[in-house]
Protein backbone atom coordinates (compact mmCIF):
# COMPACT_ATOMS: atom_id res chain seq x y z
CA UNK A 1 0.00 0.00 0.00
CA UNK A 2 2.85 2.38 0.82
CA UNK A 3 4.44 1.61 -2.56
CA UNK A 4 1.28 2.57 -4.44
CA UNK A 5 1.05 5.79 -2.42
CA UNK A 6 4.65 6.68 -3.26
CA UNK A 7 4.01 6.01 -6.96
CA UNK A 8 0.86 8.10 -6.83
CA UNK A 9 2.65 10.92 -4.98
CA UNK A 10 5.53 10.83 -7.47
CA UNK A 11 3.15 10.95 -10.43
CA UNK A 12 1.28 13.87 -8.85
CA UNK A 13 4.56 15.78 -8.36
CA UNK A 14 5.61 15.00 -11.92
CA UNK A 15 2.24 16.17 -13.22
CA UNK A 16 2.51 19.39 -11.19
CA UNK A 17 6.03 20.05 -12.50
CA UNK A 18 4.91 19.39 -16.07
CA UNK A 19 1.97 21.72 -15.60
CA UNK A 20 4.23 24.47 -14.22
CA UNK A 21 6.70 24.03 -17.08
CA UNK A 22 3.95 24.35 -19.69
CA UNK A 23 2.33 27.27 -17.91
CA UNK A 24 3.94 30.56 -18.87
CA UNK A 25 3.14 31.94 -15.43
CA UNK A 26 4.81 29.16 -13.42
CA UNK A 27 7.11 31.56 -11.58
CA UNK A 28 4.08 33.63 -10.58
CA UNK A 29 2.26 30.61 -9.15
CA UNK A 30 5.28 29.35 -7.22
CA UNK A 31 5.94 32.84 -5.82
CA UNK A 32 2.28 33.24 -4.89
CA UNK A 33 2.37 29.86 -3.15
CA UNK A 34 5.45 30.84 -1.13
CA UNK A 35 3.83 34.16 -0.27
CA UNK A 36 0.59 32.55 0.97
CA UNK A 37 2.44 29.91 2.98
CA UNK A 38 4.67 32.52 4.64
CA UNK A 39 1.67 34.78 5.33
CA UNK A 40 -0.25 31.91 6.95
CA UNK A 41 2.80 30.97 9.05
CA UNK A 42 3.15 34.61 10.12
CA UNK A 43 -0.47 34.71 11.34
CA UNK A 44 -0.11 31.43 13.24
CA UNK A 45 3.12 32.38 15.00
CA UNK A 46 1.82 35.89 15.68
CA UNK A 47 -1.14 34.29 17.47
CA UNK A 48 1.12 32.25 19.73
CA UNK A 49 3.22 35.33 20.52
CA UNK A 50 0.13 37.43 21.21
CA UNK A 51 -1.35 34.85 23.58
CA UNK A 52 1.97 34.50 25.41
CA UNK A 53 2.30 38.28 25.84
CA UNK A 54 -1.28 38.65 27.05
CA UNK A 55 -0.84 35.86 29.58
CA UNK A 56 2.46 37.34 30.79
CA UNK A 57 0.72 40.66 31.49
CA UNK A 58 -2.49 39.05 32.82
CA UNK A 59 -4.49 40.70 30.04
CA UNK A 60 -7.54 39.24 28.30
CA UNK A 61 -7.06 37.62 24.89
CA UNK A 62 -9.08 39.55 22.32
CA UNK A 63 -9.23 38.70 18.64
CA UNK A 64 -9.58 42.36 17.64
CA UNK A 65 -6.33 43.30 19.41
CA UNK A 66 -4.56 40.34 17.81
CA UNK A 67 -5.89 41.30 14.39
CA UNK A 68 -4.81 44.95 14.76
CA UNK A 69 -1.32 44.06 15.97
CA UNK A 70 -0.77 41.47 13.25
CA UNK A 71 -1.98 43.72 10.44
CA UNK A 72 0.25 46.52 11.77
CA UNK A 73 3.27 44.20 11.80
CA UNK A 74 2.52 42.94 8.29
CA UNK A 75 2.19 46.49 6.96
CA UNK A 76 5.48 47.52 8.57
CA UNK A 77 7.25 44.57 6.97
CA UNK A 78 5.48 45.16 3.68
CA UNK A 79 6.55 48.79 3.54
CA UNK A 80 10.11 48.31 4.68
CA UNK A 81 10.99 45.21 2.68
CA UNK A 82 8.62 44.19 -0.06
CA UNK A 83 7.70 47.57 -1.50
CA UNK A 84 11.36 48.56 -1.61
CA UNK A 85 12.32 45.38 -3.44
CA UNK A 86 9.28 45.62 -5.70
CA UNK A 87 10.28 49.14 -6.72
CA UNK A 88 13.83 48.07 -7.40
CA UNK A 89 12.73 45.24 -9.68
CA UNK A 90 9.53 46.55 -11.22
CA UNK A 91 10.55 50.19 -11.35
CA UNK A 92 13.90 49.53 -12.97
CA UNK A 93 12.31 47.09 -15.42
CA UNK A 94 9.77 49.74 -16.34
CA UNK A 95 12.46 52.37 -16.82
CA UNK A 96 14.42 50.00 -19.05
CA UNK A 97 11.25 49.25 -21.02
CA UNK A 98 10.34 52.88 -21.64
CA UNK A 99 13.93 53.65 -22.52
CA UNK A 100 15.17 56.10 -19.97
CA UNK A 101 18.42 57.82 -20.97
CA UNK A 102 20.31 55.84 -18.34
CA UNK A 103 19.15 52.54 -19.83
CA UNK A 104 20.03 53.26 -23.46
CA UNK A 105 23.49 53.08 -24.89
CA UNK A 106 24.59 56.13 -26.75
CA UNK A 107 24.93 55.83 -30.50
CA UNK A 108 28.65 56.60 -30.22
CA UNK A 109 29.18 53.62 -27.95
CA UNK A 110 27.30 51.37 -30.35
CA UNK A 111 29.38 52.68 -33.25
CA UNK A 112 32.56 51.97 -31.28
CA UNK A 113 31.45 48.40 -30.73
CA UNK A 114 30.64 47.94 -34.40
CA UNK A 115 34.02 49.40 -35.40
CA UNK A 116 35.79 47.03 -33.02
CA UNK A 117 33.89 44.05 -34.44
CA UNK A 118 34.75 45.09 -38.00
CA UNK A 119 38.41 45.48 -37.07
CA UNK A 120 38.46 41.97 -35.56
CA UNK A 121 36.83 40.54 -38.68
CA UNK A 122 39.37 42.27 -40.92
CA UNK A 123 42.24 40.92 -38.80
CA UNK A 124 40.84 37.41 -39.16
CA UNK A 125 40.53 37.88 -42.91
CA UNK A 126 44.18 38.94 -43.13
CA UNK A 127 45.22 35.93 -41.02
CA UNK A 128 43.23 33.60 -43.30
CA UNK A 129 44.89 35.04 -46.40
CA UNK A 130 48.34 34.65 -44.83
CA UNK A 131 47.61 31.04 -43.97
CA UNK A 132 46.44 30.39 -47.54
CA UNK A 133 49.62 31.91 -48.96
CA UNK A 134 51.80 29.84 -46.64
CA UNK A 135 49.89 26.71 -47.58
CA UNK A 136 50.59 27.33 -51.31
C-alpha atoms as a PDB file:
ATOM      1  CA  UNK A   1       0.000   0.000   0.000  1.00  0.00           C
ATOM      2  CA  UNK A   2       2.848   2.383   0.815  1.00  0.00           C
ATOM      3  CA  UNK A   3       4.435   1.615  -2.560  1.00  0.00           C
ATOM      4  CA  UNK A   4       1.284   2.568  -4.435  1.00  0.00           C
ATOM      5  CA  UNK A   5       1.050   5.791  -2.416  1.00  0.00           C
ATOM      6  CA  UNK A   6       4.650   6.685  -3.263  1.00  0.00           C
ATOM      7  CA  UNK A   7       4.007   6.014  -6.959  1.00  0.00           C
ATOM      8  CA  UNK A   8       0.855   8.101  -6.831  1.00  0.00           C
ATOM      9  CA  UNK A   9       2.653  10.917  -4.984  1.00  0.00           C
ATOM     10  CA  UNK A  10       5.534  10.825  -7.471  1.00  0.00           C
ATOM     11  CA  UNK A  11       3.152  10.952 -10.426  1.00  0.00           C
ATOM     12  CA  UNK A  12       1.281  13.869  -8.847  1.00  0.00           C
ATOM     13  CA  UNK A  13       4.558  15.784  -8.359  1.00  0.00           C
ATOM     14  CA  UNK A  14       5.612  14.995 -11.916  1.00  0.00           C
ATOM     15  CA  UNK A  15       2.239  16.166 -13.215  1.00  0.00           C
ATOM     16  CA  UNK A  16       2.510  19.388 -11.189  1.00  0.00           C
ATOM     17  CA  UNK A  17       6.034  20.047 -12.495  1.00  0.00           C
ATOM     18  CA  UNK A  18       4.915  19.390 -16.072  1.00  0.00           C
ATOM     19  CA  UNK A  19       1.970  21.722 -15.597  1.00  0.00           C
ATOM     20  CA  UNK A  20       4.231  24.473 -14.218  1.00  0.00           C
ATOM     21  CA  UNK A  21       6.697  24.031 -17.079  1.00  0.00           C
ATOM     22  CA  UNK A  22       3.954  24.354 -19.692  1.00  0.00           C
ATOM     23  CA  UNK A  23       2.333  27.269 -17.914  1.00  0.00           C
ATOM     24  CA  UNK A  24       3.939  30.564 -18.867  1.00  0.00           C
ATOM     25  CA  UNK A  25       3.144  31.938 -15.433  1.00  0.00           C
ATOM     26  CA  UNK A  26       4.809  29.159 -13.422  1.00  0.00           C
ATOM     27  CA  UNK A  27       7.110  31.563 -11.583  1.00  0.00           C
ATOM     28  CA  UNK A  28       4.084  33.632 -10.577  1.00  0.00           C
ATOM     29  CA  UNK A  29       2.264  30.605  -9.154  1.00  0.00           C
ATOM     30  CA  UNK A  30       5.282  29.354  -7.221  1.00  0.00           C
ATOM     31  CA  UNK A  31       5.945  32.839  -5.824  1.00  0.00           C
ATOM     32  CA  UNK A  32       2.282  33.241  -4.894  1.00  0.00           C
ATOM     33  CA  UNK A  33       2.369  29.862  -3.148  1.00  0.00           C
ATOM     34  CA  UNK A  34       5.454  30.838  -1.131  1.00  0.00           C
ATOM     35  CA  UNK A  35       3.831  34.156  -0.275  1.00  0.00           C
ATOM     36  CA  UNK A  36       0.594  32.551   0.969  1.00  0.00           C
ATOM     37  CA  UNK A  37       2.436  29.912   2.983  1.00  0.00           C
ATOM     38  CA  UNK A  38       4.665  32.523   4.639  1.00  0.00           C
ATOM     39  CA  UNK A  39       1.674  34.779   5.333  1.00  0.00           C
ATOM     40  CA  UNK A  40      -0.246  31.915   6.950  1.00  0.00           C
ATOM     41  CA  UNK A  41       2.798  30.974   9.048  1.00  0.00           C
ATOM     42  CA  UNK A  42       3.148  34.613  10.123  1.00  0.00           C
ATOM     43  CA  UNK A  43      -0.470  34.711  11.339  1.00  0.00           C
ATOM     44  CA  UNK A  44      -0.106  31.434  13.240  1.00  0.00           C
ATOM     45  CA  UNK A  45       3.125  32.381  15.001  1.00  0.00           C
ATOM     46  CA  UNK A  46       1.820  35.889  15.679  1.00  0.00           C
ATOM     47  CA  UNK A  47      -1.144  34.292  17.466  1.00  0.00           C
ATOM     48  CA  UNK A  48       1.123  32.249  19.734  1.00  0.00           C
ATOM     49  CA  UNK A  49       3.223  35.332  20.518  1.00  0.00           C
ATOM     50  CA  UNK A  50       0.130  37.431  21.211  1.00  0.00           C
ATOM     51  CA  UNK A  51      -1.349  34.847  23.576  1.00  0.00           C
ATOM     52  CA  UNK A  52       1.968  34.501  25.406  1.00  0.00           C
ATOM     53  CA  UNK A  53       2.300  38.275  25.839  1.00  0.00           C
ATOM     54  CA  UNK A  54      -1.275  38.650  27.046  1.00  0.00           C
ATOM     55  CA  UNK A  55      -0.839  35.863  29.581  1.00  0.00           C
ATOM     56  CA  UNK A  56       2.463  37.338  30.789  1.00  0.00           C
ATOM     57  CA  UNK A  57       0.720  40.663  31.487  1.00  0.00           C
ATOM     58  CA  UNK A  58      -2.488  39.050  32.819  1.00  0.00           C
ATOM     59  CA  UNK A  59      -4.492  40.702  30.037  1.00  0.00           C
ATOM     60  CA  UNK A  60      -7.544  39.239  28.295  1.00  0.00           C
ATOM     61  CA  UNK A  61      -7.055  37.622  24.886  1.00  0.00           C
ATOM     62  CA  UNK A  62      -9.078  39.552  22.316  1.00  0.00           C
ATOM     63  CA  UNK A  63      -9.234  38.703  18.639  1.00  0.00           C
ATOM     64  CA  UNK A  64      -9.578  42.363  17.635  1.00  0.00           C
ATOM     65  CA  UNK A  65      -6.327  43.297  19.414  1.00  0.00           C
ATOM     66  CA  UNK A  66      -4.558  40.342  17.811  1.00  0.00           C
ATOM     67  CA  UNK A  67      -5.888  41.297  14.388  1.00  0.00           C
ATOM     68  CA  UNK A  68      -4.812  44.950  14.757  1.00  0.00           C
ATOM     69  CA  UNK A  69      -1.318  44.058  15.969  1.00  0.00           C
ATOM     70  CA  UNK A  70      -0.768  41.473  13.252  1.00  0.00           C
ATOM     71  CA  UNK A  71      -1.982  43.718  10.436  1.00  0.00           C
ATOM     72  CA  UNK A  72       0.249  46.518  11.770  1.00  0.00           C
ATOM     73  CA  UNK A  73       3.267  44.197  11.795  1.00  0.00           C
ATOM     74  CA  UNK A  74       2.517  42.940   8.294  1.00  0.00           C
ATOM     75  CA  UNK A  75       2.187  46.493   6.956  1.00  0.00           C
ATOM     76  CA  UNK A  76       5.478  47.517   8.568  1.00  0.00           C
ATOM     77  CA  UNK A  77       7.248  44.568   6.973  1.00  0.00           C
ATOM     78  CA  UNK A  78       5.484  45.163   3.676  1.00  0.00           C
ATOM     79  CA  UNK A  79       6.554  48.788   3.539  1.00  0.00           C
ATOM     80  CA  UNK A  80      10.112  48.310   4.681  1.00  0.00           C
ATOM     81  CA  UNK A  81      10.991  45.209   2.679  1.00  0.00           C
ATOM     82  CA  UNK A  82       8.619  44.185  -0.060  1.00  0.00           C
ATOM     83  CA  UNK A  83       7.703  47.570  -1.500  1.00  0.00           C
ATOM     84  CA  UNK A  84      11.358  48.556  -1.615  1.00  0.00           C
ATOM     85  CA  UNK A  85      12.320  45.380  -3.443  1.00  0.00           C
ATOM     86  CA  UNK A  86       9.280  45.620  -5.701  1.00  0.00           C
ATOM     87  CA  UNK A  87      10.279  49.142  -6.719  1.00  0.00           C
ATOM     88  CA  UNK A  88      13.833  48.068  -7.397  1.00  0.00           C
ATOM     89  CA  UNK A  89      12.733  45.236  -9.676  1.00  0.00           C
ATOM     90  CA  UNK A  90       9.531  46.546 -11.224  1.00  0.00           C
ATOM     91  CA  UNK A  91      10.549  50.187 -11.350  1.00  0.00           C
ATOM     92  CA  UNK A  92      13.900  49.534 -12.966  1.00  0.00           C
ATOM     93  CA  UNK A  93      12.313  47.090 -15.415  1.00  0.00           C
ATOM     94  CA  UNK A  94       9.770  49.738 -16.337  1.00  0.00           C
ATOM     95  CA  UNK A  95      12.458  52.369 -16.821  1.00  0.00           C
ATOM     96  CA  UNK A  96      14.421  49.999 -19.051  1.00  0.00           C
ATOM     97  CA  UNK A  97      11.252  49.246 -21.016  1.00  0.00           C
ATOM     98  CA  UNK A  98      10.336  52.881 -21.637  1.00  0.00           C
ATOM     99  CA  UNK A  99      13.931  53.650 -22.515  1.00  0.00           C
ATOM    100  CA  UNK A 100      15.172  56.104 -19.972  1.00  0.00           C
ATOM    101  CA  UNK A 101      18.422  57.823 -20.971  1.00  0.00           C
ATOM    102  CA  UNK A 102      20.311  55.840 -18.344  1.00  0.00           C
ATOM    103  CA  UNK A 103      19.154  52.538 -19.828  1.00  0.00           C
ATOM    104  CA  UNK A 104      20.034  53.259 -23.457  1.00  0.00           C
ATOM    105  CA  UNK A 105      23.489  53.079 -24.890  1.00  0.00           C
ATOM    106  CA  UNK A 106      24.594  56.125 -26.752  1.00  0.00           C
ATOM    107  CA  UNK A 107      24.929  55.830 -30.504  1.00  0.00           C
ATOM    108  CA  UNK A 108      28.651  56.603 -30.219  1.00  0.00           C
ATOM    109  CA  UNK A 109      29.183  53.619 -27.953  1.00  0.00           C
ATOM    110  CA  UNK A 110      27.299  51.369 -30.348  1.00  0.00           C
ATOM    111  CA  UNK A 111      29.377  52.675 -33.253  1.00  0.00           C
ATOM    112  CA  UNK A 112      32.560  51.973 -31.282  1.00  0.00           C
ATOM    113  CA  UNK A 113      31.445  48.396 -30.732  1.00  0.00           C
ATOM    114  CA  UNK A 114      30.636  47.939 -34.405  1.00  0.00           C
ATOM    115  CA  UNK A 115      34.020  49.404 -35.404  1.00  0.00           C
ATOM    116  CA  UNK A 116      35.788  47.032 -33.017  1.00  0.00           C
ATOM    117  CA  UNK A 117      33.888  44.053 -34.438  1.00  0.00           C
ATOM    118  CA  UNK A 118      34.748  45.088 -38.000  1.00  0.00           C
ATOM    119  CA  UNK A 119      38.415  45.476 -37.068  1.00  0.00           C
ATOM    120  CA  UNK A 120      38.464  41.974 -35.557  1.00  0.00           C
ATOM    121  CA  UNK A 121      36.835  40.545 -38.676  1.00  0.00           C
ATOM    122  CA  UNK A 122      39.369  42.270 -40.918  1.00  0.00           C
ATOM    123  CA  UNK A 123      42.241  40.919 -38.800  1.00  0.00           C
ATOM    124  CA  UNK A 124      40.835  37.410 -39.156  1.00  0.00           C
ATOM    125  CA  UNK A 125      40.530  37.879 -42.910  1.00  0.00           C
ATOM    126  CA  UNK A 126      44.181  38.938 -43.127  1.00  0.00           C
ATOM    127  CA  UNK A 127      45.225  35.934 -41.018  1.00  0.00           C
ATOM    128  CA  UNK A 128      43.230  33.597 -43.295  1.00  0.00           C
ATOM    129  CA  UNK A 129      44.890  35.041 -46.403  1.00  0.00           C
ATOM    130  CA  UNK A 130      48.343  34.654 -44.834  1.00  0.00           C
ATOM    131  CA  UNK A 131      47.605  31.040 -43.969  1.00  0.00           C
ATOM    132  CA  UNK A 132      46.437  30.387 -47.538  1.00  0.00           C
ATOM    133  CA  UNK A 133      49.622  31.907 -48.959  1.00  0.00           C
ATOM    134  CA  UNK A 134      51.804  29.845 -46.635  1.00  0.00           C
ATOM    135  CA  UNK A 135      49.892  26.715 -47.584  1.00  0.00           C
ATOM    136  CA  UNK A 136      50.586  27.331 -51.308  1.00  0.00           C
END
